[in-house]
């Protein structure tokens, strides 16, 4: 008989001799059976039921730790999923259930109801539904067991604590289950990253993009490019290793050159087609509210977010720092950013806020240029003065964008509630039409009409400022934060502009670059291919560039291992994934 706590366990228990166990297990401290016997036979052999036997547990020399973690969300819930993966997951299931891990009690990939007991005390933990996935047909490629318990925090703590008491088992680290799947060849690095994106998805577009990338098509494309590069490299190295004929080497270099050039052209074309669409969908369209002081940018931020986020004051220069609020528009994530009003200021703190606003324009995907609509039509000369001050400040900062086409900007005429209805509508339609056409009032108004001439100059100034910041007018919206007039139309325009920069309707098969790491590796590959084209007559040096290009593509999919990259990626995962 064996002792476990105060209980004497009888029945069909098969008693192992320590010498026999040590002969099989060696001295590996992670072997569950050896440690269990050495510490007083702490196996849940029969409890109150006598089905199964510890003789059925497979004794193997453990190659790696068996890990476990809560795979579902923390907190109170109806169900909680606890995942176990590793060579001893089956033994752990038998320890907790007291039943043999067999088709009779736990058939593969089928739900089985069982009671779980603490392996030391024998106390009942919970009644759970168990799923068993033997290697290699599992998520991690290892033996996997999933315990579907009741979701109360107390039950979860009890089951996790029971697993932690089993020698040779430990809590999984962040992303460790997925890492084991990657190491087992279940997914490449692009699929792994898209899994992280799916877990972090907040909007419909993010969900769809992550699911698309999880299918592995992009990794296959990178793999095809790398295969072509390795084929070119093999031809070059064959000459270098075995050929002594310089003329032969030149012929091979020339033969490889069109293939290298064609591959470079394809990669460049694909990256250009993407623009920054994948990154914008993944991270959100960064949308900057920018304009002169007291134009209503903070009020607009509060109106669009539906809450009091920014301080609103009639005093100019209230906003000093960038303030961000995320929105979802039509399934797209849009990050609204309030900024300091741009003007000439002697206040060093306000000047710093203005510098940050202009720097924010450089990194924004969308622009919302907010103006006081009442000033435009009632005080055009004052408005023109403010705009010119804005223009002077913006010209002092390098506003070059990260590349690609000009970004859309919406010109918002705020505070239209202060205008007489007829007056505002009469000029607003003309203003909107001319601005969209890039001909704002220049032909329509002459200097004999003071008001109209002022409006014409304002329109020209607006175009110059918007384009000077690297944007292109996408539309004009008249609205009032005070009474809500025009807010719905502005949201529609914002959604359309966000769809424009993210190009959510891009055709299937378009390359999607979701991370800066991907872009850098692709650019590195293209640079190496360009150098090959320049140096192809010196085959030995040129072949090295092919190696660099192939390595860059290999780092995209994980074919070339980089521990630093892996650690950064797995750090994005939760513990149970």
Protein backbone atom coordinates (compact mmCIF):
# COMPACT_ATOMS: atom_id res chain seq x y z
CA UNK A 1 0.00 0.00 0.00
CA UNK A 2 0.99 3.62 -0.59
CA UNK A 3 0.46 6.61 1.67
CA UNK A 4 -0.88 9.93 0.37
CA UNK A 5 -1.41 12.40 3.20
CA UNK A 6 -3.53 10.65 5.81
CA UNK A 7 -5.28 8.39 3.35
CA UNK A 8 -4.33 4.78 2.67
CA UNK A 9 -4.92 3.93 -0.95
CA UNK A 10 -5.86 0.34 -1.78
CA UNK A 11 -7.40 -1.40 -4.77
CA UNK A 12 -5.94 -2.08 -8.15
CA UNK A 13 -2.96 0.17 -7.51
CA UNK A 14 0.21 -1.02 -9.19
CA UNK A 15 3.19 -0.38 -6.89
CA UNK A 16 6.36 0.56 -8.74
CA UNK A 17 9.74 -0.20 -7.32
CA UNK A 18 11.87 2.91 -7.00
CA UNK A 19 14.80 1.15 -8.58
CA UNK A 20 12.73 0.27 -11.63
CA UNK A 21 11.42 3.82 -12.00
CA UNK A 22 14.91 5.28 -11.70
CA UNK A 23 16.13 2.83 -14.28
CA UNK A 24 13.54 4.14 -16.74
CA UNK A 25 13.54 7.82 -15.79
CA UNK A 26 17.19 8.36 -14.90
CA UNK A 27 17.80 11.34 -12.64
CA UNK A 28 15.77 13.94 -14.54
CA UNK A 29 13.91 15.85 -11.79
CA UNK A 30 11.12 16.74 -14.19
CA UNK A 31 9.91 13.16 -14.51
CA UNK A 32 6.58 13.12 -12.73
CA UNK A 33 6.50 9.50 -11.60
CA UNK A 34 9.98 9.43 -10.16
CA UNK A 35 9.43 12.61 -8.17
CA UNK A 36 5.99 11.43 -7.03
CA UNK A 37 7.30 8.15 -5.66
CA UNK A 38 10.31 9.78 -4.02
CA UNK A 39 8.06 12.26 -2.23
CA UNK A 40 5.65 9.71 -0.81
CA UNK A 41 3.61 8.49 -3.76
CA UNK A 42 1.63 11.71 -4.20
CA UNK A 43 -0.47 10.24 -7.03
CA UNK A 44 -4.28 10.51 -7.06
CA UNK A 45 -4.43 6.80 -7.56
CA UNK A 46 -8.03 5.95 -6.88
CA UNK A 47 -9.70 8.49 -4.56
CA UNK A 48 -13.25 7.23 -4.26
CA UNK A 49 -13.29 5.53 -7.64
CA UNK A 50 -11.09 2.70 -8.82
CA UNK A 51 -11.08 3.04 -12.58
CA UNK A 52 -7.72 3.13 -14.24
CA UNK A 53 -4.29 2.52 -12.79
CA UNK A 54 -1.02 4.36 -12.50
CA UNK A 55 0.44 1.42 -14.41
CA UNK A 56 -1.16 2.95 -17.49
CA UNK A 57 0.87 6.15 -17.22
CA UNK A 58 3.62 6.23 -19.82
CA UNK A 59 7.01 6.73 -18.27
CA UNK A 60 9.32 8.71 -20.51
CA UNK A 61 12.41 10.77 -20.09
CA UNK A 62 11.03 14.30 -20.31
CA UNK A 63 12.51 16.29 -23.13
CA UNK A 64 11.07 19.63 -21.99
CA UNK A 65 8.84 21.10 -19.34
CA UNK A 66 5.12 20.56 -19.38
CA UNK A 67 3.42 23.94 -19.13
CA UNK A 68 -0.05 25.07 -18.13
CA UNK A 69 -2.01 28.33 -17.97
CA UNK A 70 -5.47 29.82 -18.08
CA UNK A 71 -6.25 30.17 -21.80
CA UNK A 72 -9.55 32.02 -21.41
CA UNK A 73 -10.07 35.49 -19.97
CA UNK A 74 -9.55 36.12 -16.28
CA UNK A 75 -12.37 37.14 -13.97
CA UNK A 76 -15.78 35.68 -13.23
CA UNK A 77 -17.29 33.75 -16.14
CA UNK A 78 -19.39 30.70 -16.94
CA UNK A 79 -16.42 28.67 -18.16
CA UNK A 80 -12.65 28.77 -17.89
CA UNK A 81 -10.27 26.91 -20.19
CA UNK A 82 -6.99 25.71 -18.70
CA UNK A 83 -4.49 24.49 -21.25
CA UNK A 84 -1.72 21.95 -20.57
CA UNK A 85 0.99 21.18 -23.14
CA UNK A 86 4.03 18.97 -23.01
CA UNK A 87 5.17 15.36 -22.75
CA UNK A 88 3.60 14.89 -19.32
CA UNK A 89 0.20 16.45 -20.01
CA UNK A 90 -1.43 13.01 -20.14
CA UNK A 91 0.17 12.04 -16.84
CA UNK A 92 -1.08 15.30 -15.34
CA UNK A 93 -4.61 14.49 -16.48
CA UNK A 94 -4.40 11.08 -14.84
CA UNK A 95 -3.05 12.64 -11.67
CA UNK A 96 -6.02 15.01 -11.48
CA UNK A 97 -8.72 12.57 -12.56
CA UNK A 98 -7.51 9.23 -11.24
CA UNK A 99 -8.49 7.68 -14.57
CA UNK A 100 -6.28 6.09 -17.16
CA UNK A 101 -5.58 8.26 -20.18
CA UNK A 102 -7.15 5.93 -22.71
CA UNK A 103 -9.84 5.86 -25.36
CA UNK A 104 -12.18 4.40 -22.76
CA UNK A 105 -12.08 7.40 -20.44
CA UNK A 106 -10.58 10.24 -22.54
CA UNK A 107 -11.00 9.58 -26.28
CA UNK A 108 -8.93 11.78 -28.57
CA UNK A 109 -10.55 15.06 -29.64
CA UNK A 110 -13.82 14.27 -27.91
CA UNK A 111 -15.28 15.90 -24.83
CA UNK A 112 -15.23 13.81 -21.66
CA UNK A 113 -16.80 14.71 -18.33
CA UNK A 114 -14.75 13.96 -15.24
CA UNK A 115 -14.14 15.08 -11.69
CA UNK A 116 -10.82 16.67 -10.83
CA UNK A 117 -9.00 16.03 -7.55
CA UNK A 118 -6.00 17.63 -5.93
CA UNK A 119 -3.02 15.31 -6.51
CA UNK A 120 -1.72 15.73 -2.94
CA UNK A 121 -4.75 16.05 -0.67
CA UNK A 122 -7.23 14.14 -2.82
CA UNK A 123 -9.80 16.89 -2.32
CA UNK A 124 -12.40 17.50 -5.02
CA UNK A 125 -11.55 20.54 -7.18
CA UNK A 126 -14.32 20.70 -9.77
CA UNK A 127 -16.25 18.77 -12.38
CA UNK A 128 -14.80 19.55 -15.81
CA UNK A 129 -15.12 18.73 -19.49
CA UNK A 130 -11.78 17.44 -20.79
CA UNK A 131 -10.41 17.53 -24.33
CA UNK A 132 -7.26 15.59 -25.23
CA UNK A 133 -5.13 16.29 -28.32
CA UNK A 134 -2.20 13.86 -28.73
CA UNK A 135 0.94 14.96 -30.55
CA UNK A 136 1.51 15.92 -33.27
CA UNK A 137 -2.07 16.84 -34.15
CA UNK A 138 -2.44 19.66 -31.66
CA UNK A 139 -1.96 23.41 -31.53
CA UNK A 140 1.55 23.16 -30.11
CA UNK A 141 2.50 19.90 -31.82
CA UNK A 142 2.84 18.33 -28.35
CA UNK A 143 0.40 16.35 -26.22
CA UNK A 144 -2.23 18.90 -25.19
CA UNK A 145 -5.00 18.66 -22.60
CA UNK A 146 -7.67 21.33 -22.13
CA UNK A 147 -9.72 21.45 -18.94
CA UNK A 148 -13.04 23.28 -19.29
CA UNK A 149 -13.88 24.16 -15.70
CA UNK A 150 -16.39 26.45 -14.07
CA UNK A 151 -15.20 30.01 -14.48
CA UNK A 152 -15.17 31.35 -10.95
CA UNK A 153 -11.82 32.78 -9.79
CA UNK A 154 -11.80 30.33 -6.86
CA UNK A 155 -12.13 27.27 -9.11
CA UNK A 156 -9.46 28.55 -11.49
CA UNK A 157 -7.05 29.23 -8.63
CA UNK A 158 -7.66 25.78 -7.16
CA UNK A 159 -7.04 23.93 -10.44
CA UNK A 160 -3.97 26.00 -11.31
CA UNK A 161 -2.65 25.45 -7.80
CA UNK A 162 -3.18 21.70 -8.14
CA UNK A 163 -1.26 21.64 -11.42
CA UNK A 164 1.50 23.69 -9.84
CA UNK A 165 1.90 21.06 -7.13
CA UNK A 166 2.77 18.40 -9.70
CA UNK A 167 6.56 18.01 -10.07
CA UNK A 168 7.88 18.81 -13.52
CA UNK A 169 5.07 21.22 -14.42
CA UNK A 170 5.25 24.99 -14.45
CA UNK A 171 3.17 28.00 -15.42
CA UNK A 172 3.56 29.01 -19.06
CA UNK A 173 5.27 32.24 -19.97
CA UNK A 174 3.64 34.88 -22.16
CA UNK A 175 3.09 33.44 -25.64
CA UNK A 176 4.82 30.15 -24.82
CA UNK A 177 2.08 27.92 -26.24
CA UNK A 178 2.26 29.80 -29.54
CA UNK A 179 6.04 29.70 -29.47
CA UNK A 180 5.95 25.92 -29.20
CA UNK A 181 3.54 25.84 -32.15
CA UNK A 182 5.99 27.96 -34.14
CA UNK A 183 8.94 25.75 -33.19
CA UNK A 184 6.93 22.67 -34.19
CA UNK A 185 6.35 24.17 -37.65
CA UNK A 186 2.64 24.69 -37.10
CA UNK A 187 2.87 28.30 -38.27
CA UNK A 188 5.42 30.72 -39.66
CA UNK A 189 6.36 34.06 -38.17
CA UNK A 190 3.82 36.04 -40.21
CA UNK A 191 1.01 33.77 -39.01
CA UNK A 192 2.28 34.07 -35.47
CA UNK A 193 2.22 37.87 -35.65
CA UNK A 194 -1.25 37.87 -37.18
CA UNK A 195 -2.41 35.70 -34.27
CA UNK A 196 -1.19 38.42 -31.91
CA UNK A 197 -3.02 40.98 -34.05
CA UNK A 198 -6.24 38.96 -33.86
CA UNK A 199 -6.02 38.77 -30.08
CA UNK A 200 -5.56 42.55 -29.96
CA UNK A 201 -8.22 43.36 -32.60
CA UNK A 202 -10.65 46.09 -31.57
CA UNK A 203 -12.41 46.75 -34.86
CA UNK A 204 -13.92 44.73 -37.69
CA UNK A 205 -11.22 45.75 -40.17
CA UNK A 206 -8.49 44.64 -37.75
CA UNK A 207 -10.23 41.29 -37.25
CA UNK A 208 -10.59 40.67 -40.98
CA UNK A 209 -7.00 41.67 -41.74
CA UNK A 210 -5.59 39.43 -39.00
CA UNK A 211 -7.69 36.45 -40.12
CA UNK A 212 -6.58 36.97 -43.72
CA UNK A 213 -2.92 36.90 -42.72
CA UNK A 214 -3.41 33.87 -40.48
CA UNK A 215 -4.19 31.79 -43.58
CA UNK A 216 -0.47 31.84 -44.38
CA UNK A 217 -0.68 33.18 -47.95
CA UNK A 218 1.70 36.03 -47.22
CA UNK A 219 4.26 33.71 -45.66
CA UNK A 220 3.97 31.50 -48.74
CA UNK A 221 4.67 34.52 -50.96
CA UNK A 222 7.78 35.43 -48.96
CA UNK A 223 8.81 31.78 -49.13
CA UNK A 224 8.47 31.74 -52.93
CA UNK A 225 10.60 34.89 -53.22
CA UNK A 226 13.24 33.37 -50.98
CA UNK A 227 13.20 30.10 -52.94
CA UNK A 228 13.84 32.04 -56.15
CA UNK A 229 16.70 33.90 -54.49
CA UNK A 230 18.26 30.70 -53.21
CA UNK A 231 18.02 29.23 -56.70
CA UNK A 232 19.89 32.23 -58.09
CA UNK A 233 22.43 31.96 -55.29
CA UNK A 234 22.94 28.24 -55.94
CA UNK A 235 23.81 28.97 -59.58
CA UNK A 236 26.32 31.61 -58.54
CA UNK A 237 27.91 29.49 -55.82
CA UNK A 238 28.24 26.48 -58.11
CA UNK A 239 30.50 28.54 -60.34
CA UNK A 240 32.42 29.96 -57.37
CA UNK A 241 32.97 26.54 -55.80
CA UNK A 242 33.76 24.45 -58.85
CA UNK A 243 34.36 26.73 -61.79
CA UNK A 244 37.68 28.26 -62.67
CA UNK A 245 36.52 29.75 -65.96
CA UNK A 246 36.04 33.52 -65.55
CA UNK A 247 33.98 33.63 -68.71
CA UNK A 248 31.61 31.01 -67.31
CA UNK A 249 31.17 33.08 -64.15
CA UNK A 250 30.29 36.14 -66.21
CA UNK A 251 27.75 34.13 -68.19
CA UNK A 252 26.09 32.84 -65.01
CA UNK A 253 25.97 36.34 -63.51
CA UNK A 254 24.28 37.64 -66.64
CA UNK A 255 21.85 34.72 -66.71
CA UNK A 256 20.85 35.35 -63.09
CA UNK A 257 20.54 39.13 -63.55
CA UNK A 258 17.08 39.18 -65.24
CA UNK A 259 15.66 36.92 -62.52
CA UNK A 260 17.04 39.17 -59.79
CA UNK A 261 15.73 42.29 -61.51
CA UNK A 262 12.28 40.75 -62.00
CA UNK A 263 12.11 39.76 -58.34
CA UNK A 264 13.19 43.22 -57.20
CA UNK A 265 10.57 44.84 -59.43
CA UNK A 266 7.85 42.60 -58.00
CA UNK A 267 8.78 43.31 -54.38
CA UNK A 268 8.97 47.06 -54.99
CA UNK A 269 5.63 47.04 -56.81
CA UNK A 270 3.91 45.06 -54.07
CA UNK A 271 5.24 47.30 -51.30
CA UNK A 272 4.23 50.42 -53.21
CA UNK A 273 0.72 49.04 -53.75
CA UNK A 274 0.34 48.52 -50.02
CA UNK A 275 1.44 52.04 -49.09
CA UNK A 276 0.92 51.89 -45.33
CA UNK A 277 -2.52 50.30 -45.50
CA UNK A 278 -1.74 47.30 -43.32
CA UNK A 279 -0.11 49.40 -40.61
CA UNK A 280 -2.99 51.90 -40.63
CA UNK A 281 -5.60 49.15 -40.22
CA UNK A 282 -3.58 47.47 -37.48
CA UNK A 283 -2.70 50.60 -35.47
CA UNK A 284 -5.50 52.97 -36.47
CA UNK A 285 -5.66 55.98 -38.78
CA UNK A 286 -3.89 58.77 -36.91
CA UNK A 287 -6.07 61.85 -37.37
CA UNK A 288 -4.79 65.25 -36.24
CA UNK A 289 -7.12 68.13 -35.36
CA UNK A 290 -5.10 71.18 -36.29
CA UNK A 291 -5.86 74.85 -36.80
CA UNK A 292 -5.55 78.34 -35.30
CA UNK A 293 -6.32 78.98 -31.61
CA UNK A 294 -9.96 79.10 -30.49
CA UNK A 295 -11.25 77.46 -33.65
CA UNK A 296 -12.98 74.76 -31.59
CA UNK A 297 -10.58 71.81 -31.90
CA UNK A 298 -11.01 70.71 -28.27
CA UNK A 299 -14.79 71.11 -28.48
CA UNK A 300 -14.75 69.01 -31.64
CA UNK A 301 -12.72 66.29 -29.91
CA UNK A 302 -15.24 66.19 -27.05
CA UNK A 303 -18.19 66.15 -29.48
CA UNK A 304 -16.84 63.29 -31.59
CA UNK A 305 -15.73 61.21 -28.59
CA UNK A 306 -19.02 61.77 -26.75
CA UNK A 307 -17.33 62.78 -23.51
CA UNK A 308 -15.42 65.64 -21.92
CA UNK A 309 -11.88 64.67 -22.79
CA UNK A 310 -10.27 68.05 -23.43
CA UNK A 311 -10.49 71.29 -21.47
CA UNK A 312 -12.48 73.90 -23.37
CA UNK A 313 -11.85 77.60 -22.75
CA UNK A 314 -12.40 80.88 -24.56
CA UNK A 315 -8.81 81.80 -23.75
CA UNK A 316 -6.43 81.07 -26.63
CA UNK A 317 -3.56 78.69 -25.97
CA UNK A 318 -5.42 76.43 -23.51
CA UNK A 319 -4.33 73.19 -25.22
CA UNK A 320 -0.60 72.62 -24.79
CA UNK A 321 -0.06 68.91 -25.44
CA UNK A 322 -1.35 66.25 -27.83
CA UNK A 323 -4.44 64.44 -26.55
CA UNK A 324 -5.59 61.19 -28.21
CA UNK A 325 -9.01 59.52 -28.31
CA UNK A 326 -9.72 56.30 -30.30
CA UNK A 327 -12.93 55.94 -32.32
CA UNK A 328 -14.37 53.20 -34.51
CA UNK A 329 -15.90 54.41 -37.76
CA UNK A 330 -17.35 51.83 -40.12
CA UNK A 331 -15.17 49.08 -38.66
CA UNK A 332 -11.99 51.17 -38.87
CA UNK A 333 -9.99 52.42 -35.93
CA UNK A 334 -9.44 56.18 -36.03
CA UNK A 335 -7.26 57.91 -33.44
CA UNK A 336 -8.28 61.55 -33.01
CA UNK A 337 -5.56 63.83 -31.69
CA UNK A 338 -6.21 67.32 -30.35
CA UNK A 339 -3.35 69.78 -30.69
CA UNK A 340 -2.34 73.28 -29.69
CA UNK A 341 -3.61 76.16 -31.82
CA UNK A 342 -0.88 77.23 -34.22
CA UNK A 343 0.11 80.89 -34.05
CA UNK A 344 3.11 83.08 -33.26
CA UNK A 345 3.56 83.00 -29.49
CA UNK A 346 6.11 84.30 -27.02
CA UNK A 347 5.10 81.77 -24.36
CA UNK A 348 7.76 79.01 -24.32
CA UNK A 349 5.29 76.37 -23.10
CA UNK A 350 2.72 77.25 -25.75
CA UNK A 351 5.49 77.34 -28.37
CA UNK A 352 6.45 73.79 -27.41
CA UNK A 353 2.82 72.72 -27.82
CA UNK A 354 2.75 74.34 -31.26
CA UNK A 355 5.93 72.49 -32.24
CA UNK A 356 4.34 69.21 -31.16
CA UNK A 357 1.22 69.99 -33.18
CA UNK A 358 3.27 70.58 -36.32
CA UNK A 359 5.33 67.45 -35.66
CA UNK A 360 2.05 65.55 -35.25
CA UNK A 361 1.01 66.71 -38.71
CA UNK A 362 4.12 65.05 -40.09
CA UNK A 363 3.12 61.63 -38.73
CA UNK A 364 -0.65 61.83 -39.23
CA UNK A 365 -2.56 59.73 -41.75
CA UNK A 366 -5.50 62.14 -41.88
CA UNK A 367 -5.87 65.84 -41.21
CA UNK A 368 -8.85 67.76 -39.85
CA UNK A 369 -8.18 71.46 -40.37
CA UNK A 370 -10.53 73.28 -37.98
CA UNK A 371 -11.49 76.91 -38.62
CA UNK A 372 -13.90 79.31 -36.99
CA UNK A 373 -16.62 79.46 -39.65
CA UNK A 374 -18.14 82.57 -38.13
CA UNK A 375 -14.84 84.45 -38.46
CA UNK A 376 -14.44 83.43 -42.10
CA UNK A 377 -17.71 85.03 -43.13
CA UNK A 378 -18.02 87.84 -40.58
CA UNK A 379 -14.37 88.80 -39.88
CA UNK A 380 -12.42 87.67 -42.94
CA UNK A 381 -9.48 90.04 -42.40
CA UNK A 382 -8.98 88.84 -38.82
CA UNK A 383 -9.24 85.23 -39.99
CA UNK A 384 -6.73 85.89 -42.76
CA UNK A 385 -4.30 87.32 -40.22
CA UNK A 386 -4.62 84.19 -38.04
CA UNK A 387 -4.11 81.92 -41.04
CA UNK A 388 -0.97 83.76 -42.12
CA UNK A 389 0.43 83.45 -38.60
CA UNK A 390 -0.33 79.73 -38.84
CA UNK A 391 1.40 79.55 -42.21
CA UNK A 392 4.54 81.27 -40.89
CA UNK A 393 4.83 78.82 -38.00
CA UNK A 394 4.18 75.72 -40.12
CA UNK A 395 6.79 76.76 -42.69
CA UNK A 396 9.49 76.68 -40.01
CA UNK A 397 9.02 72.96 -39.45
CA UNK A 398 9.95 70.21 -41.88
CA UNK A 399 6.57 68.71 -42.72
CA UNK A 400 7.75 65.89 -44.97
CA UNK A 401 5.53 62.84 -44.58
CA UNK A 402 6.82 59.27 -44.45
CA UNK A 403 6.17 58.87 -48.17
CA UNK A 404 3.44 57.93 -50.56
CA UNK A 405 0.58 60.06 -51.92
CA UNK A 406 -0.71 63.15 -50.18
CA UNK A 407 -2.94 62.40 -47.24
CA UNK A 408 -6.58 63.51 -47.19
CA UNK A 409 -7.61 66.45 -45.03
CA UNK A 410 -11.09 67.63 -44.15
CA UNK A 411 -11.59 71.37 -43.73
CA UNK A 412 -14.08 71.92 -40.90
CA UNK A 413 -15.92 75.22 -40.62
CA UNK A 414 -16.92 75.20 -36.97
CA UNK A 415 -19.31 77.49 -35.05
CA UNK A 416 -21.70 77.92 -37.97
CA UNK A 417 -24.48 78.38 -35.40
CA UNK A 418 -23.19 81.96 -35.05
CA UNK A 419 -23.97 82.74 -38.70
CA UNK A 420 -27.23 83.89 -40.14
CA UNK A 421 -28.68 80.86 -41.93
CA UNK A 422 -29.15 82.50 -45.35
CA UNK A 423 -25.79 84.23 -45.27
CA UNK A 424 -23.93 81.09 -44.29
CA UNK A 425 -25.58 78.83 -46.85
CA UNK A 426 -25.15 81.28 -49.70
CA UNK A 427 -21.38 81.37 -49.42
CA UNK A 428 -20.73 77.96 -47.91
CA UNK A 429 -21.83 76.01 -50.99
CA UNK A 430 -19.60 78.12 -53.20
CA UNK A 431 -16.73 77.77 -50.74
CA UNK A 432 -17.09 74.00 -50.61
CA UNK A 433 -17.35 73.59 -54.38
CA UNK A 434 -14.37 75.81 -55.15
CA UNK A 435 -12.16 74.26 -52.49
CA UNK A 436 -12.82 70.75 -53.79
CA UNK A 437 -11.97 71.89 -57.30
CA UNK A 438 -8.80 73.60 -56.11
CA UNK A 439 -10.18 76.95 -57.34
CA UNK A 440 -11.41 78.61 -54.17
CA UNK A 441 -13.15 81.84 -55.12
CA UNK A 442 -10.22 83.23 -57.14
CA UNK A 443 -12.27 83.60 -60.31
CA UNK A 444 -15.55 84.27 -58.51
CA UNK A 445 -14.63 87.33 -56.48
CA UNK A 446 -12.75 90.54 -57.24
CA UNK A 447 -11.26 93.27 -55.09
CA UNK A 448 -14.25 95.58 -55.51
CA UNK A 449 -16.24 93.43 -53.10
CA UNK A 450 -14.47 93.65 -49.77
CA UNK A 451 -16.20 90.73 -48.08
CA UNK A 452 -16.03 88.38 -51.02
CA UNK A 453 -12.43 89.32 -51.74
CA UNK A 454 -11.51 88.50 -48.16
CA UNK A 455 -13.18 85.11 -48.41
CA UNK A 456 -11.34 84.42 -51.65
CA UNK A 457 -7.98 85.17 -50.05
CA UNK A 458 -8.88 82.99 -47.08
CA UNK A 459 -9.71 80.07 -49.36
CA UNK A 460 -6.39 80.40 -51.17
CA UNK A 461 -4.54 80.60 -47.86
CA UNK A 462 -6.31 77.48 -46.59
CA UNK A 463 -5.28 75.51 -49.66
CA UNK A 464 -1.66 76.62 -49.32
CA UNK A 465 -1.54 75.66 -45.64
CA UNK A 466 -3.23 72.28 -46.12
CA UNK A 467 -0.96 71.35 -49.01
CA UNK A 468 2.09 72.76 -47.25
CA UNK A 469 1.44 70.31 -44.41
CA UNK A 470 1.47 67.43 -46.89
CA UNK A 471 -2.30 67.00 -47.14
CA UNK A 472 -4.81 67.32 -49.96
CA UNK A 473 -8.32 68.72 -49.32
CA UNK A 474 -10.73 65.79 -49.18
CA UNK A 475 -13.86 67.78 -48.41
CA UNK A 476 -15.41 70.61 -46.43
CA UNK A 477 -17.75 70.14 -43.49
CA UNK A 478 -19.77 72.90 -41.83
CA UNK A 479 -20.82 72.13 -38.29
CA UNK A 480 -21.50 73.37 -34.81
CA UNK A 481 -20.25 71.65 -31.68
CA UNK A 482 -22.79 73.67 -29.71
CA UNK A 483 -25.98 72.38 -31.32
CA UNK A 484 -24.64 69.28 -33.13
CA UNK A 485 -25.42 70.60 -36.60
CA UNK A 486 -23.36 68.83 -39.27
CA UNK A 487 -21.67 66.35 -36.90
CA UNK A 488 -23.11 63.30 -38.69
CA UNK A 489 -21.90 64.59 -42.05
CA UNK A 490 -18.42 65.13 -40.62
CA UNK A 491 -18.34 61.55 -39.29
CA UNK A 492 -19.29 60.25 -42.75
CA UNK A 493 -16.48 62.30 -44.31
CA UNK A 494 -14.02 61.04 -41.69
CA UNK A 495 -15.00 57.44 -42.38
CA UNK A 496 -14.60 57.93 -46.13
CA UNK A 497 -11.19 59.54 -45.63
CA UNK A 498 -10.12 56.68 -43.34
CA UNK A 499 -11.23 54.14 -45.95
CA UNK A 500 -9.23 56.09 -48.52
CA UNK A 501 -5.95 55.81 -46.59
CA UNK A 502 -6.54 52.21 -45.48
CA UNK A 503 -7.96 51.09 -48.84
CA UNK A 504 -10.08 48.43 -47.21
CA UNK A 505 -11.46 47.48 -50.62
CA UNK A 506 -8.02 46.47 -51.96
CA UNK A 507 -8.20 43.36 -54.20
CA UNK A 508 -7.52 39.92 -52.78
CA UNK A 509 -3.88 38.92 -52.95
CA UNK A 510 -2.56 42.43 -52.33
CA UNK A 511 0.53 42.44 -50.13
CA UNK A 512 -0.29 43.66 -46.62
CA UNK A 513 2.61 45.02 -44.59
CA UNK A 514 1.41 45.32 -41.00
CA UNK A 515 4.64 46.03 -39.14
CA UNK A 516 7.64 48.29 -39.51
CA UNK A 517 9.82 45.17 -39.11
CA UNK A 518 8.33 43.73 -42.30
CA UNK A 519 8.86 46.95 -44.22
CA UNK A 520 12.49 47.19 -43.09
CA UNK A 521 13.24 43.59 -44.10
CA UNK A 522 11.62 44.04 -47.52
CA UNK A 523 13.52 47.30 -48.08
CA UNK A 524 16.74 45.57 -47.01
CA UNK A 525 16.06 42.78 -49.51
CA UNK A 526 15.45 45.28 -52.32
CA UNK A 527 18.65 47.17 -51.44
CA UNK A 528 20.68 43.96 -51.61
CA UNK A 529 19.16 43.06 -54.97
CA UNK A 530 20.00 46.52 -56.31
CA UNK A 531 23.60 46.08 -55.21
CA UNK A 532 23.70 42.70 -56.97
CA UNK A 533 22.61 44.40 -60.19
CA UNK A 534 25.39 46.95 -59.79
CA UNK A 535 28.08 44.39 -58.86
CA UNK A 536 27.03 41.36 -60.91
CA UNK A 537 30.27 41.38 -62.91
CA UNK A 538 32.14 40.67 -59.66
CA UNK A 539 30.30 37.44 -58.94
CA UNK A 540 31.91 36.64 -55.59
CA UNK A 541 30.86 39.99 -54.10
CA UNK A 542 27.48 39.98 -55.85
CA UNK A 543 26.66 36.50 -54.50
CA UNK A 544 27.06 37.85 -50.98
CA UNK A 545 24.30 40.37 -51.71
CA UNK A 546 22.02 37.50 -52.70
CA UNK A 547 22.75 35.89 -49.34
CA UNK A 548 21.80 39.11 -47.55
CA UNK A 549 18.58 39.38 -49.56
CA UNK A 550 17.62 35.76 -48.82
CA UNK A 551 18.38 36.27 -45.14
CA UNK A 552 16.11 39.35 -45.00
CA UNK A 553 13.22 37.33 -46.42
CA UNK A 554 14.01 34.41 -44.10
CA UNK A 555 13.73 36.70 -41.09
CA UNK A 556 10.21 37.64 -42.19
CA UNK A 557 8.90 34.08 -41.95
CA UNK A 558 11.21 32.76 -39.25
CA UNK A 559 13.17 30.55 -41.64
CA UNK A 560 16.17 32.46 -40.29
CA UNK A 561 15.91 32.43 -36.51
CA UNK A 562 16.43 35.63 -34.54
CA UNK A 563 15.94 35.32 -30.79
CA UNK A 564 15.59 39.08 -30.36
CA UNK A 565 12.74 39.21 -32.89
CA UNK A 566 11.00 36.21 -31.32
CA UNK A 567 11.19 37.65 -27.80
CA UNK A 568 9.65 40.93 -28.99
CA UNK A 569 6.81 39.15 -30.79
CA UNK A 570 5.95 36.68 -28.02
CA UNK A 571 5.93 39.55 -25.54
CA UNK A 572 2.70 40.73 -27.23
CA UNK A 573 0.86 37.54 -26.23
CA UNK A 574 -1.02 36.81 -23.05
CA UNK A 575 0.08 34.01 -20.69
CA UNK A 576 -2.47 31.42 -21.90
CA UNK A 577 -1.63 31.86 -25.59
